[in-house]
Amino acid sequence: MIDYQNVINTIHQNLKDEVNRGVVASYIPELAGVDINNFGIHLRLINGETYATGDWDKKLSIQSISKVLTLAMALPMYPENLWQRVDVEPSGNPFNHLSLLELEKGIPRNPLINAGAIVIADILVTLLDNPKEEFLNYVRSVVDDPTINFNETVANSERMTGYNNFAAANLLKAYGNLHNDVDTVLDFYFHQCAIEMTCEQLTKAFFMFANHGACCQENVLISASQAKRINALMLTCGFYDEAGEFAFEVGLPGKSGVGGGIVALLPNQFTISVWSPGLNKRGNSLLGMKALEQFTTMTKHSIF
């Protein structure tokens, strides 16, 4: 029997005083002021047991972690056509890279890079009457928590500095793979990235991917097959151009964000989230990567 509380306490103790904590994302000005010393871990087992340590109850900007949730919302509504508009291959490039998008005529490599997530945002803008409100309500219902919200200041900060995303959206539009107005789609996209959650809320949000599509309230939101496919995408594409390294070191499907959060999971077993705002050169949480590597090493829990 694994003493999970002792495991995560040990990991937190091992890493909390690290001098090299990476660099807080500054290209989104509102994220630059986050205290680099924040460090939290939250673990939720499939049976409902939870374990936590450090700053697990502080809110973080989930950023690209939101891409998995928009995909989960869009896929049941648009199951066949979605994969005609976005591919399922690792990009091997940074999350905001544009060269492949032009080379491959407006079809993003996968839905977890920016261009792919913008296509998913376009799909939701088409399908929903009030996209921002309905997506926020979706996330709240998945987590069973009405307090989750957008940080409007972060969303505005992203809009004011998101030149690369505007370039990607216009390129998608030029190839006919963006059906709505660029500003409307990006307004939704910037807001989805600006959702704030705690580590605890993130483990709840991703519970459905460990539980064959059923959330913590046992509502089936995606099919078991769709959960399997989203997990495969997280394993191969969830960490920008460091997905191979994460699979090699940690061995779990997961998703990172430049707010310093990482969520990972083992189907039928658990979801785990880690937050440390300092990023490595690839845009992933430096301590978060180390913490999850230690977790799978200590518990021997991975998909391999």
Protein backbone atom coordinates (compact mmCIF):
# COMPACT_ATOMS: atom_id res chain seq x y z
CA MET A 1 0.00 0.00 0.00
CA ILE A 2 1.52 3.32 -1.08
CA ASP A 3 1.55 6.19 1.41
CA TYR A 4 0.70 8.88 -1.14
CA GLN A 5 0.78 11.73 1.35
CA ASN A 6 4.31 10.80 2.35
CA VAL A 7 5.32 10.50 -1.33
CA ILE A 8 4.15 13.99 -2.30
CA ASN A 9 5.44 15.49 0.97
CA THR A 10 8.87 13.99 0.21
CA ILE A 11 8.82 15.35 -3.34
CA HIS A 12 7.81 18.79 -2.10
CA GLN A 13 10.58 18.71 0.50
CA ASN A 14 13.12 17.57 -2.11
CA LEU A 15 12.34 20.42 -4.50
CA LYS A 16 10.93 23.38 -2.56
CA ASP A 17 14.33 24.98 -1.91
CA GLU A 18 15.73 24.49 -5.42
CA VAL A 19 17.72 27.52 -6.52
CA ASN A 20 17.17 26.98 -10.25
CA ARG A 21 13.39 27.26 -10.59
CA GLY A 22 13.27 28.36 -14.24
CA VAL A 23 11.86 31.67 -15.46
CA VAL A 24 8.31 32.96 -15.03
CA ALA A 25 6.58 33.63 -18.38
CA SER A 26 6.88 37.34 -19.12
CA TYR A 27 5.61 37.57 -22.71
CA ILE A 28 2.14 37.77 -21.17
CA PRO A 29 2.75 40.77 -18.88
CA GLU A 30 0.14 39.76 -16.29
CA LEU A 31 1.91 36.46 -15.67
CA ALA A 32 5.28 38.10 -15.06
CA GLY A 33 4.34 39.17 -11.53
CA VAL A 34 3.50 35.68 -10.22
CA ASP A 35 5.69 34.62 -7.27
CA ILE A 36 8.19 32.07 -8.56
CA ASN A 37 8.30 30.40 -5.13
CA ASN A 38 4.76 29.01 -5.47
CA PHE A 39 4.87 25.21 -5.52
CA GLY A 40 1.90 22.91 -5.00
CA ILE A 41 0.89 19.31 -5.69
CA HIS A 42 -2.57 17.73 -5.63
CA LEU A 43 -3.36 14.06 -6.22
CA ARG A 44 -6.84 12.59 -6.74
CA LEU A 45 -7.26 8.83 -6.84
CA ILE A 46 -9.98 7.23 -8.93
CA ASN A 47 -11.74 6.16 -5.70
CA GLY A 48 -12.07 9.80 -4.62
CA GLU A 49 -9.22 9.94 -2.09
CA THR A 50 -7.17 13.14 -2.30
CA TYR A 51 -3.71 14.18 -1.12
CA ALA A 52 -2.16 17.65 -1.27
CA THR A 53 0.88 19.64 -0.26
CA GLY A 54 2.30 23.15 -0.70
CA ASP A 55 0.37 25.80 -2.64
CA TRP A 56 -2.26 23.40 -3.99
CA ASP A 57 -5.14 25.73 -3.12
CA LYS A 58 -3.83 28.92 -4.80
CA LYS A 59 -5.27 29.91 -8.16
CA LEU A 60 -3.05 29.73 -11.24
CA SER A 61 -3.61 30.74 -14.85
CA ILE A 62 -4.22 27.43 -16.62
CA GLN A 63 -3.25 28.75 -20.09
CA SER A 64 -2.66 25.85 -22.55
CA ILE A 65 -4.11 23.28 -20.15
CA SER A 66 -7.45 24.71 -21.31
CA LYS A 67 -6.85 23.26 -24.80
CA VAL A 68 -7.68 19.77 -23.54
CA LEU A 69 -10.97 21.00 -22.07
CA THR A 70 -12.08 22.83 -25.22
CA LEU A 71 -11.25 19.68 -27.21
CA ALA A 72 -13.29 17.56 -24.78
CA MET A 73 -16.24 19.94 -25.17
CA ALA A 74 -16.03 20.15 -28.97
CA LEU A 75 -15.40 16.50 -29.81
CA PRO A 76 -18.83 15.06 -28.90
CA MET A 77 -20.53 17.88 -30.84
CA TYR A 78 -18.34 17.59 -33.94
CA PRO A 79 -16.93 14.04 -33.82
CA GLU A 80 -16.08 13.31 -37.47
CA ASN A 81 -15.40 16.68 -39.06
CA LEU A 82 -13.08 17.83 -36.28
CA TRP A 83 -10.25 15.54 -37.39
CA GLN A 84 -10.56 16.86 -40.96
CA ARG A 85 -9.65 20.32 -39.70
CA VAL A 86 -6.85 19.43 -37.28
CA ASP A 87 -4.36 16.55 -37.35
CA VAL A 88 -3.16 14.29 -34.52
CA GLU A 89 0.61 14.31 -35.11
CA PRO A 90 3.29 15.75 -32.80
CA SER A 91 4.61 18.99 -34.21
CA GLY A 92 8.20 18.79 -33.00
CA ASN A 93 8.06 22.58 -32.84
CA PRO A 94 7.33 25.18 -30.17
CA PHE A 95 3.65 25.71 -29.31
CA ASN A 96 3.41 28.98 -31.27
CA HIS A 97 5.39 27.97 -34.37
CA LEU A 98 3.85 28.86 -37.75
CA SER A 99 6.09 27.32 -40.42
CA LEU A 100 4.36 23.91 -40.47
CA LEU A 101 0.95 25.58 -40.69
CA GLU A 102 1.90 27.19 -43.98
CA LEU A 103 3.68 24.09 -45.26
CA GLU A 104 0.63 21.93 -44.53
CA LYS A 105 -1.88 24.38 -45.99
CA GLY A 106 -3.68 25.50 -42.87
CA ILE A 107 -4.18 22.13 -41.15
CA PRO A 108 -2.55 22.34 -37.69
CA ARG A 109 -0.51 19.34 -36.61
CA ASN A 110 -2.60 18.73 -33.48
CA PRO A 111 -5.20 20.45 -31.27
CA LEU A 112 -2.75 21.14 -28.42
CA ILE A 113 -0.53 23.63 -30.24
CA ASN A 114 -1.83 27.19 -30.53
CA ALA A 115 -2.96 26.96 -34.16
CA GLY A 116 -4.84 23.72 -33.47
CA ALA A 117 -6.48 25.12 -30.36
CA ILE A 118 -7.56 28.19 -32.35
CA VAL A 119 -9.33 25.85 -34.82
CA ILE A 120 -11.08 24.15 -31.87
CA ALA A 121 -12.03 27.60 -30.58
CA ASP A 122 -13.49 28.41 -34.02
CA ILE A 123 -15.56 25.20 -33.89
CA LEU A 124 -16.98 26.15 -30.49
CA VAL A 125 -17.71 29.71 -31.62
CA THR A 126 -19.71 28.19 -34.49
CA LEU A 127 -21.58 25.64 -32.38
CA LEU A 128 -22.37 27.67 -29.25
CA ASP A 129 -24.76 30.59 -28.83
CA ASN A 130 -22.69 32.24 -26.07
CA PRO A 131 -19.27 30.57 -26.43
CA LYS A 132 -17.38 32.14 -23.51
CA GLU A 133 -20.25 31.77 -21.07
CA GLU A 134 -21.08 28.22 -22.17
CA PHE A 135 -17.46 27.04 -22.03
CA LEU A 136 -17.00 28.55 -18.57
CA ASN A 137 -20.19 26.83 -17.42
CA TYR A 138 -18.92 23.57 -18.93
CA VAL A 139 -15.70 23.79 -16.92
CA ARG A 140 -17.63 24.69 -13.77
CA SER A 141 -19.93 21.68 -14.25
CA VAL A 142 -17.02 19.30 -14.90
CA VAL A 143 -15.32 20.43 -11.69
CA ASP A 144 -18.62 20.94 -9.83
CA ASP A 145 -17.46 24.38 -8.74
CA PRO A 146 -19.30 27.61 -9.71
CA THR A 147 -16.46 29.82 -8.42
CA ILE A 148 -14.16 29.11 -11.39
CA ASN A 149 -13.78 32.18 -13.57
CA PHE A 150 -11.86 34.00 -16.27
CA ASN A 151 -9.20 36.49 -15.23
CA GLU A 152 -10.22 39.38 -17.48
CA THR A 153 -6.94 41.22 -16.86
CA VAL A 154 -4.93 38.22 -18.10
CA ALA A 155 -7.24 37.79 -21.11
CA ASN A 156 -6.78 41.45 -22.04
CA SER A 157 -3.03 41.17 -21.52
CA GLU A 158 -2.95 38.24 -23.95
CA ARG A 159 -5.05 40.13 -26.50
CA MET A 160 -2.73 43.15 -26.36
CA THR A 161 0.43 41.06 -26.87
CA GLY A 162 -0.84 38.05 -28.86
CA TYR A 163 0.64 39.00 -32.22
CA ASN A 164 1.71 35.45 -32.98
CA ASN A 165 -1.80 34.14 -32.31
CA PHE A 166 -3.26 36.81 -34.58
CA ALA A 167 -0.78 35.70 -37.26
CA ALA A 168 -1.81 32.05 -36.81
CA ALA A 169 -5.52 32.89 -36.93
CA ASN A 170 -5.13 34.98 -40.08
CA LEU A 171 -3.11 32.21 -41.71
CA LEU A 172 -5.84 29.71 -40.82
CA LYS A 173 -8.38 32.13 -42.26
CA ALA A 174 -6.38 32.45 -45.47
CA TYR A 175 -6.49 28.66 -45.92
CA GLY A 176 -10.22 28.48 -45.18
CA ASN A 177 -9.79 26.69 -41.84
CA LEU A 178 -11.25 29.49 -39.72
CA HIS A 179 -14.95 30.03 -40.33
CA ASN A 180 -15.63 32.93 -37.98
CA ASP A 181 -14.26 36.42 -37.51
CA VAL A 182 -10.61 36.37 -36.37
CA ASP A 183 -11.19 38.80 -33.49
CA THR A 184 -14.23 36.84 -32.25
CA VAL A 185 -12.37 33.52 -32.26
CA LEU A 186 -9.30 34.96 -30.56
CA ASP A 187 -11.41 36.70 -27.91
CA PHE A 188 -12.76 33.26 -26.99
CA TYR A 189 -9.27 31.71 -27.18
CA PHE A 190 -7.66 34.34 -24.95
CA HIS A 191 -10.44 33.90 -22.40
CA GLN A 192 -10.18 30.09 -22.32
CA CYS A 193 -6.46 30.43 -21.59
CA ALA A 194 -7.17 33.00 -18.86
CA ILE A 195 -9.28 30.65 -16.72
CA GLU A 196 -7.92 30.38 -13.20
CA MET A 197 -7.99 27.17 -11.17
CA THR A 198 -6.26 25.60 -8.20
CA CYS A 199 -4.33 22.34 -8.40
CA GLU A 200 -7.30 20.65 -6.72
CA GLN A 201 -9.71 21.97 -9.35
CA LEU A 202 -7.39 20.81 -12.13
CA THR A 203 -7.29 17.23 -10.85
CA LYS A 204 -11.11 17.29 -10.85
CA ALA A 205 -11.24 18.78 -14.34
CA PHE A 206 -9.06 16.00 -15.77
CA PHE A 207 -10.71 13.18 -13.81
CA MET A 208 -12.87 12.25 -16.81
CA PHE A 209 -9.76 11.37 -18.85
CA ALA A 210 -8.72 8.86 -16.16
CA ASN A 211 -12.29 7.58 -15.78
CA HIS A 212 -13.31 6.61 -19.34
CA GLY A 213 -15.11 9.91 -19.95
CA ALA A 214 -17.08 10.23 -16.69
CA CYS A 215 -16.37 13.24 -14.47
CA CYS A 216 -16.21 13.28 -10.67
CA GLN A 217 -20.00 13.44 -10.53
CA GLU A 218 -20.10 10.32 -12.74
CA ASN A 219 -21.70 12.26 -15.61
CA VAL A 220 -20.43 10.81 -18.90
CA LEU A 221 -19.15 13.81 -20.88
CA ILE A 222 -17.13 12.02 -23.56
CA SER A 223 -17.10 8.41 -24.70
CA ALA A 224 -14.44 5.99 -23.50
CA SER A 225 -13.06 5.99 -27.04
CA GLN A 226 -12.84 9.79 -27.08
CA ALA A 227 -11.10 9.77 -23.68
CA LYS A 228 -8.58 7.26 -25.05
CA ARG A 229 -7.85 9.45 -28.06
CA ILE A 230 -7.47 12.61 -25.98
CA ASN A 231 -5.08 10.75 -23.64
CA ALA A 232 -3.04 9.65 -26.65
CA LEU A 233 -2.82 13.27 -27.82
CA MET A 234 -1.73 14.40 -24.36
CA LEU A 235 1.03 11.80 -24.29
CA THR A 236 2.37 12.65 -27.75
CA CYS A 237 1.58 16.38 -27.97
CA GLY A 238 0.87 17.72 -24.47
CA PHE A 239 4.22 19.35 -23.75
CA TYR A 240 5.02 21.40 -26.85
CA ASP A 241 8.31 20.19 -28.31
CA GLU A 242 9.21 18.38 -25.07
CA ALA A 243 6.49 15.70 -25.24
CA GLY A 244 9.03 12.95 -25.91
CA GLU A 245 11.08 14.01 -22.90
CA PHE A 246 7.99 13.98 -20.66
CA ALA A 247 6.98 10.51 -21.89
CA PHE A 248 10.58 9.34 -21.36
CA GLU A 249 11.01 10.80 -17.86
CA VAL A 250 7.45 10.65 -16.48
CA GLY A 251 5.47 8.22 -18.63
CA LEU A 252 1.97 9.69 -18.24
CA PRO A 253 -0.46 11.53 -20.52
CA GLY A 254 -0.65 15.16 -19.45
CA LYS A 255 -0.79 18.81 -20.38
CA SER A 256 1.25 21.81 -19.36
CA GLY A 257 0.63 25.54 -19.51
CA VAL A 258 2.91 28.57 -19.41
CA GLY A 259 1.28 29.56 -16.12
CA GLY A 260 3.46 26.79 -14.65
CA GLY A 261 0.75 24.20 -14.18
CA ILE A 262 0.94 20.57 -15.29
CA VAL A 263 -1.85 17.98 -15.05
CA ALA A 264 -1.12 14.30 -15.67
CA LEU A 265 -3.06 11.09 -15.21
CA LEU A 266 -2.98 7.32 -15.22
CA PRO A 267 -6.23 5.81 -16.54
CA ASN A 268 -8.18 3.90 -13.88
CA GLN A 269 -5.78 5.15 -11.19
CA PHE A 270 -5.41 8.90 -10.58
CA THR A 271 -5.03 12.46 -11.74
CA ILE A 272 -2.22 14.65 -10.41
CA SER A 273 -1.52 18.34 -10.82
CA VAL A 274 1.62 20.31 -10.03
CA TRP A 275 2.18 24.05 -10.07
CA SER A 276 5.49 25.89 -10.08
CA PRO A 277 5.51 29.08 -12.21
CA GLY A 278 9.16 28.95 -13.29
CA LEU A 279 9.48 27.51 -16.79
CA ASN A 280 12.29 25.71 -18.58
CA LYS A 281 13.45 26.70 -22.07
CA ARG A 282 10.63 24.69 -23.68
CA GLY A 283 7.90 26.50 -21.74
CA ASN A 284 7.15 23.74 -19.24
CA SER A 285 7.31 24.04 -15.44
CA LEU A 286 10.86 23.18 -14.38
CA LEU A 287 9.99 21.90 -10.91
CA GLY A 288 6.71 20.45 -12.15
CA MET A 289 8.55 18.17 -14.57
CA LYS A 290 10.96 17.08 -11.83
CA ALA A 291 8.14 16.51 -9.33
CA LEU A 292 6.20 14.25 -11.69
CA GLU A 293 9.35 12.30 -12.63
CA GLN A 294 9.97 11.68 -8.93
CA PHE A 295 6.32 10.72 -8.39
CA THR A 296 6.27 8.02 -11.07
CA THR A 297 9.69 6.77 -9.98
CA MET A 298 8.69 6.53 -6.31
CA THR A 299 5.26 4.97 -6.93
CA LYS A 300 6.17 2.96 -10.05
CA HIS A 301 2.94 4.31 -11.59
CA SER A 302 3.19 5.02 -15.32
CA ILE A 303 1.65 3.70 -18.50
CA PHE A 304 4.89 1.88 -19.35
